[in-house]
Amino acid sequence: MDSGGTDIIWNQFILGAALTRAARRVLERDGEEGEEIRFSYADTHAGGGGLPVPALLPVARKALASSAWAAAVGAGDVHPGSWVLAGRLIAALGGLAFEADVNDLDPAAITAAKASREGGWVRFWSHDWFLFLRNRLAMEPRPHFVFIDPPPDDPRGPGYAMDAAILLDTLGLPYMVTYAVDTPGAQPQEAIDQIGRSGLELRGAGLERGVLLGGGAETVVLDILSDLRNLAEVLGGELSVRLPRAPADDYCI
């Protein structure tokens, strides 16, 4: 079912908050006065860098006007793709040089992406997304943030995404994974139980989308819960938090 771009708004608002938190930590840990350091971002399903403007974007931006996401999205005729949004967020922070590895199987999407760069350094890949992720993690330095957004027509995507979440959590790399709440084979509850994180789900007619944060990115959840409740209402749905089942719930965020 066509969600009218509401899933884009939901995913990117959470991405913006989590990515900004991760970038600030890198600045605090590695930054030295007068020296710019690199922030590395990886995106498994990058697309061409630009998307149709979601119908509900103006009202969502108004409701979340104070967020870094609202400022980075802007009010242009094209909605930024996730990696373009990431670059804008990093640039707005200052003190960090943005570099990205972005992947998409569609050659046309990669061609479009090459024309969508706004700053920083971007390396383009065209692989099966799980192969891309495996190869990128084998390179040094490892990314500071990984966004996993499996393409909807990839039958292996949901299950592989949960496997990737477990791997990244084990490595301690901040990440965000999107999933369809009730897609067969996704098994989000299994991964959530194993790593002790909570799924942030947008529920409503045609809006069943979930986001899982981990590897340190989950620390932003408590700060954005109120905004997520408001955003879910704006998008015509409601926020549902999928909690880990015992014994993981003793340490979940």
Protein backbone atom coordinates (compact mmCIF):
# COMPACT_ATOMS: atom_id res chain seq x y z
CA MET A 1 0.00 0.00 0.00
CA ASP A 2 1.24 3.48 -0.85
CA SER A 3 1.94 5.31 2.40
CA GLY A 4 2.32 8.69 0.69
CA GLY A 5 5.90 9.05 1.84
CA THR A 6 5.05 8.86 5.55
CA ASP A 7 7.59 6.05 5.99
CA ILE A 8 10.28 8.37 4.57
CA ILE A 9 9.47 11.03 7.16
CA TRP A 10 9.37 8.49 10.00
CA ASN A 11 12.63 6.82 9.03
CA GLN A 12 14.52 10.02 8.31
CA PHE A 13 13.48 11.82 11.47
CA ILE A 14 14.82 8.94 13.57
CA LEU A 15 17.91 8.71 11.36
CA GLY A 16 18.57 12.41 11.81
CA ALA A 17 18.35 12.22 15.60
CA ALA A 18 20.49 9.08 15.90
CA LEU A 19 23.10 10.24 13.40
CA THR A 20 23.45 13.62 15.08
CA ARG A 21 23.94 11.95 18.47
CA ALA A 22 26.61 9.62 17.02
CA ALA A 23 28.42 12.52 15.32
CA ARG A 24 28.49 14.59 18.50
CA ARG A 25 30.07 11.66 20.31
CA VAL A 26 32.78 11.43 17.66
CA LEU A 27 33.45 15.16 18.09
CA GLU A 28 33.67 14.82 21.86
CA ARG A 29 35.91 11.78 21.68
CA ASP A 30 38.22 12.56 18.77
CA GLY A 31 37.95 16.28 18.12
CA GLU A 32 40.85 18.61 18.80
CA GLU A 33 40.64 22.38 18.71
CA GLY A 34 41.18 23.71 15.20
CA GLU A 35 41.33 20.25 13.63
CA GLU A 36 38.61 18.79 11.41
CA ILE A 37 38.01 15.05 11.73
CA ARG A 38 36.26 12.67 9.38
CA PHE A 39 32.85 11.18 10.04
CA SER A 40 32.18 8.07 7.97
CA TYR A 41 28.64 7.04 7.02
CA ALA A 42 27.48 3.90 5.17
CA ASP A 43 24.12 3.50 3.42
CA THR A 44 23.05 0.11 2.04
CA HIS A 45 20.22 1.31 -0.24
CA ALA A 46 21.08 4.83 -1.21
CA GLY A 47 18.88 5.57 -4.19
CA GLY A 48 19.52 8.61 -6.37
CA GLY A 49 19.79 11.11 -3.54
CA GLY A 50 16.46 12.81 -4.17
CA LEU A 51 12.88 11.74 -3.49
CA PRO A 52 9.40 13.13 -4.21
CA VAL A 53 8.32 15.50 -1.46
CA PRO A 54 5.98 13.62 0.93
CA ALA A 55 2.52 15.17 1.10
CA LEU A 56 2.67 15.50 4.88
CA LEU A 57 6.15 17.01 4.99
CA PRO A 58 5.07 20.64 5.66
CA VAL A 59 2.95 19.71 8.68
CA ALA A 60 5.61 17.31 9.96
CA ARG A 61 8.31 20.00 9.67
CA LYS A 62 6.09 22.46 11.55
CA ALA A 63 5.47 19.96 14.35
CA LEU A 64 9.20 19.26 14.69
CA ALA A 65 10.54 22.68 13.75
CA SER A 66 13.23 22.64 16.44
CA SER A 67 14.79 19.37 15.25
CA ALA A 68 18.00 19.01 13.24
CA TRP A 69 15.98 16.90 10.79
CA ALA A 70 13.54 19.72 9.98
CA ALA A 71 16.37 22.14 9.26
CA ALA A 72 18.27 19.65 7.10
CA VAL A 73 15.26 18.62 5.01
CA GLY A 74 14.53 22.20 4.04
CA ALA A 75 11.59 23.29 1.92
CA GLY A 76 12.82 22.56 -1.58
CA ASP A 77 11.08 20.85 -4.49
CA VAL A 78 13.02 17.62 -3.90
CA HIS A 79 13.19 15.71 -0.64
CA PRO A 80 16.77 14.65 0.18
CA GLY A 81 17.66 10.97 0.18
CA SER A 82 19.02 9.52 3.40
CA TRP A 83 22.72 9.97 2.56
CA VAL A 84 22.19 13.52 1.32
CA LEU A 85 20.34 14.27 4.55
CA ALA A 86 23.24 12.73 6.49
CA GLY A 87 25.72 15.01 4.75
CA ARG A 88 23.64 18.08 5.57
CA LEU A 89 23.37 17.09 9.23
CA ILE A 90 27.12 16.57 9.54
CA ALA A 91 27.85 19.88 7.80
CA ALA A 92 25.46 21.70 10.16
CA LEU A 93 27.31 20.37 13.22
CA GLY A 94 30.67 21.76 12.13
CA GLY A 95 34.05 20.29 12.97
CA LEU A 96 33.51 17.12 10.95
CA ALA A 97 34.37 16.26 7.37
CA PHE A 98 31.67 14.04 5.87
CA GLU A 99 32.56 10.92 3.94
CA ALA A 100 30.10 8.28 2.81
CA ASP A 101 29.91 4.87 1.19
CA VAL A 102 26.58 4.55 -0.58
CA ASN A 103 25.29 1.44 -2.30
CA ASP A 104 22.51 0.68 -4.74
CA LEU A 105 22.02 -2.18 -7.21
CA ASP A 106 20.31 0.05 -9.78
CA PRO A 107 22.89 1.64 -12.15
CA ALA A 108 20.45 4.46 -12.89
CA ALA A 109 20.21 5.25 -9.18
CA ILE A 110 24.00 5.42 -8.89
CA THR A 111 24.19 7.72 -11.92
CA ALA A 112 21.61 10.01 -10.35
CA ALA A 113 23.40 9.85 -6.99
CA LYS A 114 26.64 11.06 -8.54
CA ALA A 115 24.82 14.24 -9.55
CA SER A 116 23.25 14.65 -6.08
CA ARG A 117 26.42 15.15 -4.06
CA GLU A 118 26.36 18.37 -2.07
CA GLY A 119 29.66 18.17 -0.24
CA GLY A 120 32.11 15.87 1.41
CA TRP A 121 33.55 12.75 -0.15
CA VAL A 122 31.27 9.97 -1.44
CA ARG A 123 32.25 6.53 -2.70
CA PHE A 124 29.66 4.69 -4.77
CA TRP A 125 29.05 0.93 -4.69
CA SER A 126 26.70 -1.29 -6.68
CA HIS A 127 26.40 -4.66 -4.94
CA ASP A 128 23.90 -6.81 -3.17
CA TRP A 129 23.45 -4.74 -0.01
CA PHE A 130 24.61 -7.45 2.38
CA LEU A 131 27.77 -8.03 0.31
CA PHE A 132 28.37 -4.27 0.31
CA LEU A 133 28.06 -4.14 4.08
CA ARG A 134 30.37 -7.10 4.60
CA ASN A 135 33.02 -5.57 2.33
CA ARG A 136 32.72 -2.13 3.91
CA LEU A 137 33.09 -3.50 7.43
CA ALA A 138 36.28 -5.26 6.35
CA MET A 139 37.83 -1.89 5.48
CA GLU A 140 39.51 0.48 7.90
CA PRO A 141 38.47 2.72 9.39
CA ARG A 142 35.04 1.26 10.01
CA PRO A 143 32.04 3.57 9.54
CA HIS A 144 30.84 5.71 12.42
CA PHE A 145 27.21 5.05 11.46
CA VAL A 146 25.48 2.46 9.26
CA PHE A 147 21.98 2.84 7.81
CA ILE A 148 20.40 -0.42 6.63
CA ASP A 149 17.24 0.05 4.58
CA PRO A 150 16.60 -3.18 2.64
CA PRO A 151 14.84 -2.72 -0.71
CA PRO A 152 11.22 -3.85 -0.51
CA ASP A 153 11.61 -6.32 -3.39
CA ASP A 154 14.54 -8.17 -1.81
CA PRO A 155 13.11 -11.43 -0.39
CA ARG A 156 16.22 -11.92 1.75
CA GLY A 157 16.27 -8.35 2.97
CA PRO A 158 14.21 -8.58 6.17
CA GLY A 159 15.99 -11.60 7.60
CA TYR A 160 19.44 -10.41 6.53
CA ALA A 161 18.73 -7.00 8.05
CA MET A 162 18.09 -8.56 11.44
CA ASP A 163 21.29 -10.61 11.12
CA ALA A 164 23.18 -7.43 10.26
CA ALA A 165 21.71 -5.68 13.31
CA ILE A 166 23.03 -8.42 15.58
CA LEU A 167 26.47 -8.22 13.94
CA LEU A 168 26.72 -4.43 14.22
CA ASP A 169 25.57 -4.48 17.83
CA THR A 170 28.26 -7.03 18.61
CA LEU A 171 30.86 -4.78 16.95
CA GLY A 172 29.59 -1.71 18.80
CA LEU A 173 28.98 0.25 15.58
CA PRO A 174 26.05 2.69 15.73
CA TYR A 175 23.37 1.69 13.25
CA MET A 176 19.75 2.00 12.21
CA VAL A 177 17.75 -0.75 10.50
CA THR A 178 14.30 -0.34 8.96
CA TYR A 179 11.86 -3.22 8.76
CA ALA A 180 8.28 -3.93 7.77
CA VAL A 181 6.44 -4.77 10.98
CA ASP A 182 4.60 -7.86 9.78
CA THR A 183 6.61 -9.05 6.78
CA PRO A 184 7.14 -12.84 6.75
CA GLY A 185 10.80 -13.69 7.32
CA ALA A 186 11.65 -10.38 8.99
CA GLN A 187 11.57 -11.80 12.54
CA PRO A 188 12.28 -8.44 14.18
CA GLN A 189 11.27 -9.79 17.58
CA GLU A 190 14.03 -12.40 17.48
CA ALA A 191 16.75 -9.80 16.86
CA ILE A 192 15.23 -7.42 19.38
CA ASP A 193 15.25 -10.17 22.00
CA GLN A 194 18.84 -11.13 21.25
CA ILE A 195 20.40 -7.66 21.38
CA GLY A 196 18.06 -6.13 23.97
CA ARG A 197 16.96 -3.10 21.94
CA SER A 198 13.49 -1.70 21.29
CA GLY A 199 11.79 -1.36 17.91
CA LEU A 200 10.15 1.99 17.15
CA GLU A 201 7.10 1.21 15.06
CA LEU A 202 4.67 3.45 13.21
CA ARG A 203 1.33 1.68 13.11
CA GLY A 204 -1.86 2.56 11.27
CA ALA A 205 -3.60 1.79 8.00
CA GLY A 206 -0.81 1.12 5.51
CA LEU A 207 1.83 2.57 7.85
CA GLU A 208 3.35 -0.52 9.46
CA ARG A 209 7.04 0.40 9.53
CA GLY A 210 9.66 -0.24 12.18
CA VAL A 211 13.08 1.10 13.07
CA LEU A 212 15.72 -0.58 15.20
CA LEU A 213 18.64 1.36 16.67
CA GLY A 214 21.71 -0.18 18.26
CA GLY A 215 25.46 -0.15 18.67
CA GLY A 216 25.16 2.99 20.78
CA ALA A 217 22.62 4.78 18.56
CA GLU A 218 19.80 3.55 20.82
CA THR A 219 20.79 6.10 23.47
CA VAL A 220 18.80 8.74 21.57
CA VAL A 221 15.49 6.87 21.98
CA LEU A 222 14.44 8.33 25.32
CA ASP A 223 15.13 11.85 24.05
CA ILE A 224 12.86 11.52 21.01
CA LEU A 225 9.93 9.45 22.33
CA SER A 226 7.73 12.51 22.85
CA ASP A 227 8.51 13.79 19.35
CA LEU A 228 7.80 10.35 17.89
CA ARG A 229 4.37 10.24 19.51
CA ASN A 230 3.57 13.65 18.02
CA LEU A 231 5.01 12.70 14.63
CA ALA A 232 3.03 9.45 14.51
CA GLU A 233 -0.18 11.39 15.11
CA VAL A 234 0.70 13.88 12.37
CA LEU A 235 1.29 10.96 9.99
CA GLY A 236 -2.09 9.43 10.79
CA GLY A 237 -0.86 6.55 12.91
CA GLU A 238 0.48 5.83 16.37
CA LEU A 239 3.79 4.96 17.96
CA SER A 240 4.20 1.40 19.16
CA VAL A 241 7.40 0.36 20.96
CA ARG A 242 8.30 -3.30 20.45
CA LEU A 243 10.12 -4.37 23.62
CA PRO A 244 12.52 -7.27 24.06
CA ARG A 245 11.08 -10.28 25.81
CA ALA A 246 12.71 -11.67 28.95
CA PRO A 247 15.53 -11.99 29.80
CA ALA A 248 16.68 -9.17 27.48
CA ASP A 249 14.19 -6.69 28.95
CA ASP A 250 16.41 -6.33 32.01
CA TYR A 251 18.78 -4.13 30.01
CA CYS A 252 16.78 -2.81 27.06
CA ILE A 253 16.62 0.77 25.86
